[in-house]
């Protein structure tokens, strides 16, 4: 189950990071 959870969280943290980068005033 641990591996499954990590796999499911992968796209989650990726989307969050993408949003953070898009919002960050680069």
PDB file of N, CA and C in Angstrom:
ATOM      1  N   UNK A   1       0.840  -1.216   0.000  1.00  0.00           N
ATOM      2  CA  UNK A   1       0.000   0.000   0.000  1.00  0.00           C
ATOM      3  C   UNK A   1       0.877   1.269   0.000  1.00  0.00           C
ATOM      4  N   UNK A   2       2.013   1.182   0.643  1.00  0.00           N
ATOM      5  CA  UNK A   2       2.907   2.348   0.731  1.00  0.00           C
ATOM      6  C   UNK A   2       3.307   2.788  -0.673  1.00  0.00           C
ATOM      7  N   UNK A   3       3.700   1.845  -1.493  1.00  0.00           N
ATOM      8  CA  UNK A   3       4.125   2.177  -2.866  1.00  0.00           C
ATOM      9  C   UNK A   3       2.955   2.800  -3.626  1.00  0.00           C
ATOM     10  N   UNK A   4       1.783   2.229  -3.435  1.00  0.00           N
ATOM     11  CA  UNK A   4       0.593   2.740  -4.139  1.00  0.00           C
ATOM     12  C   UNK A   4       0.345   4.192  -3.728  1.00  0.00           C
ATOM     13  N   UNK A   5       0.486   4.455  -2.446  1.00  0.00           N
ATOM     14  CA  UNK A   5       0.222   5.813  -1.933  1.00  0.00           C
ATOM     15  C   UNK A   5       1.217   6.787  -2.564  1.00  0.00           C
ATOM     16  N   UNK A   6       2.470   6.386  -2.619  1.00  0.00           N
ATOM     17  CA  UNK A   6       3.509   7.257  -3.177  1.00  0.00           C
ATOM     18  C   UNK A   6       3.194   7.543  -4.646  1.00  0.00           C
ATOM     19  N   UNK A   7       2.785   6.503  -5.356  1.00  0.00           N
ATOM     20  CA  UNK A   7       2.477   6.675  -6.779  1.00  0.00           C
ATOM     21  C   UNK A   7       1.304   7.627  -6.954  1.00  0.00           C
ATOM     22  N   UNK A   8       0.363   7.546  -6.050  1.00  0.00           N
ATOM     23  CA  UNK A   8      -0.835   8.391  -6.158  1.00  0.00           C
ATOM     24  C   UNK A   8      -0.489   9.832  -5.775  1.00  0.00           C
ATOM     25  N   UNK A   9       0.466   9.979  -4.891  1.00  0.00           N
ATOM     26  CA  UNK A   9       0.841  11.329  -4.451  1.00  0.00           C
ATOM     27  C   UNK A   9       1.767  11.992  -5.482  1.00  0.00           C
ATOM     28  N   UNK A  10       2.417  11.190  -6.287  1.00  0.00           N
ATOM     29  CA  UNK A  10       3.355  11.720  -7.289  1.00  0.00           C
ATOM     30  C   UNK A  10       2.687  12.819  -8.125  1.00  0.00           C
ATOM     31  N   UNK A  11       1.582  12.537  -8.794  1.00  0.00           N
ATOM     32  CA  UNK A  11       0.911  13.553  -9.621  1.00  0.00           C
ATOM     33  C   UNK A  11       0.396  14.715  -8.768  1.00  0.00           C
ATOM     34  N   UNK A  12       0.106  14.432  -7.522  1.00  0.00           N
ATOM     35  CA  UNK A  12      -0.420  15.489  -6.635  1.00  0.00           C
ATOM     36  C   UNK A  12       0.670  16.529  -6.368  1.00  0.00           C
ATOM     37  N   UNK A  13       1.793  16.076  -5.895  1.00  0.00           N
ATOM     38  CA  UNK A  13       2.877  17.028  -5.564  1.00  0.00           C
ATOM     39  C   UNK A  13       3.380  17.693  -6.837  1.00  0.00           C
ATOM     40  N   UNK A  14       3.309  16.978  -7.942  1.00  0.00           N
ATOM     41  CA  UNK A  14       3.768  17.561  -9.212  1.00  0.00           C
ATOM     42  C   UNK A  14       2.874  18.725  -9.607  1.00  0.00           C
ATOM     43  N   UNK A  15       1.575  18.524  -9.450  1.00  0.00           N
ATOM     44  CA  UNK A  15       0.617  19.583  -9.824  1.00  0.00           C
ATOM     45  C   UNK A  15       0.804  20.783  -8.893  1.00  0.00           C
ATOM     46  N   UNK A  16       1.034  20.497  -7.619  1.00  0.00           N
ATOM     47  CA  UNK A  16       1.215  21.584  -6.643  1.00  0.00           C
ATOM     48  C   UNK A  16       2.473  22.385  -6.990  1.00  0.00           C
ATOM     49  N   UNK A  17       3.518  21.662  -7.318  1.00  0.00           N
ATOM     50  CA  UNK A  17       4.782  22.336  -7.644  1.00  0.00           C
ATOM     51  C   UNK A  17       4.590  23.182  -8.903  1.00  0.00           C
ATOM     52  N   UNK A  18       3.860  22.640  -9.849  1.00  0.00           N
ATOM     53  CA  UNK A  18       3.635  23.369 -11.101  1.00  0.00           C
ATOM     54  C   UNK A  18       2.892  24.674 -10.798  1.00  0.00           C
ATOM     55  N   UNK A  19       1.901  24.573  -9.934  1.00  0.00           N
ATOM     56  CA  UNK A  19       1.116  25.762  -9.583  1.00  0.00           C
ATOM     57  C   UNK A  19       2.012  26.767  -8.865  1.00  0.00           C
ATOM     58  N   UNK A  20       2.866  26.250  -7.993  1.00  0.00           N
ATOM     59  CA  UNK A  20       3.751  27.130  -7.233  1.00  0.00           C
ATOM     60  C   UNK A  20       4.691  27.868  -8.188  1.00  0.00           C
ATOM     61  N   UNK A  21       5.225  27.141  -9.144  1.00  0.00           N
ATOM     62  CA  UNK A  21       6.162  27.752 -10.100  1.00  0.00           C
ATOM     63  C   UNK A  21       5.428  28.769 -10.968  1.00  0.00           C
ATOM     64  N   UNK A  22       4.203  28.451 -11.332  1.00  0.00           N
ATOM     65  CA  UNK A  22       3.437  29.356 -12.199  1.00  0.00           C
ATOM     66  C   UNK A  22       3.057  30.628 -11.428  1.00  0.00           C
ATOM     67  N   UNK A  23       2.795  30.468 -10.129  1.00  0.00           N
ATOM     68  CA  UNK A  23       2.407  31.628  -9.313  1.00  0.00           C
ATOM     69  C   UNK A  23       3.632  32.431  -8.892  1.00  0.00           C
ATOM     70  N   UNK A  24       4.768  31.734  -8.738  1.00  0.00           N
ATOM     71  CA  UNK A  24       5.993  32.415  -8.300  1.00  0.00           C
ATOM     72  C   UNK A  24       6.388  33.484  -9.326  1.00  0.00           C
ATOM     73  N   UNK A  25       6.656  34.693  -8.876  1.00  0.00           N
ATOM     74  CA  UNK A  25       7.054  35.772  -9.791  1.00  0.00           C
ATOM     75  C   UNK A  25       8.491  35.586 -10.265  1.00  0.00           C
ATOM     76  N   UNK A  26       8.691  34.750 -11.262  1.00  0.00           N
ATOM     77  CA  UNK A  26      10.046  34.464 -11.728  1.00  0.00           C
ATOM     78  C   UNK A  26      10.606  35.687 -12.456  1.00  0.00           C
TER      79      UNK A  26
END
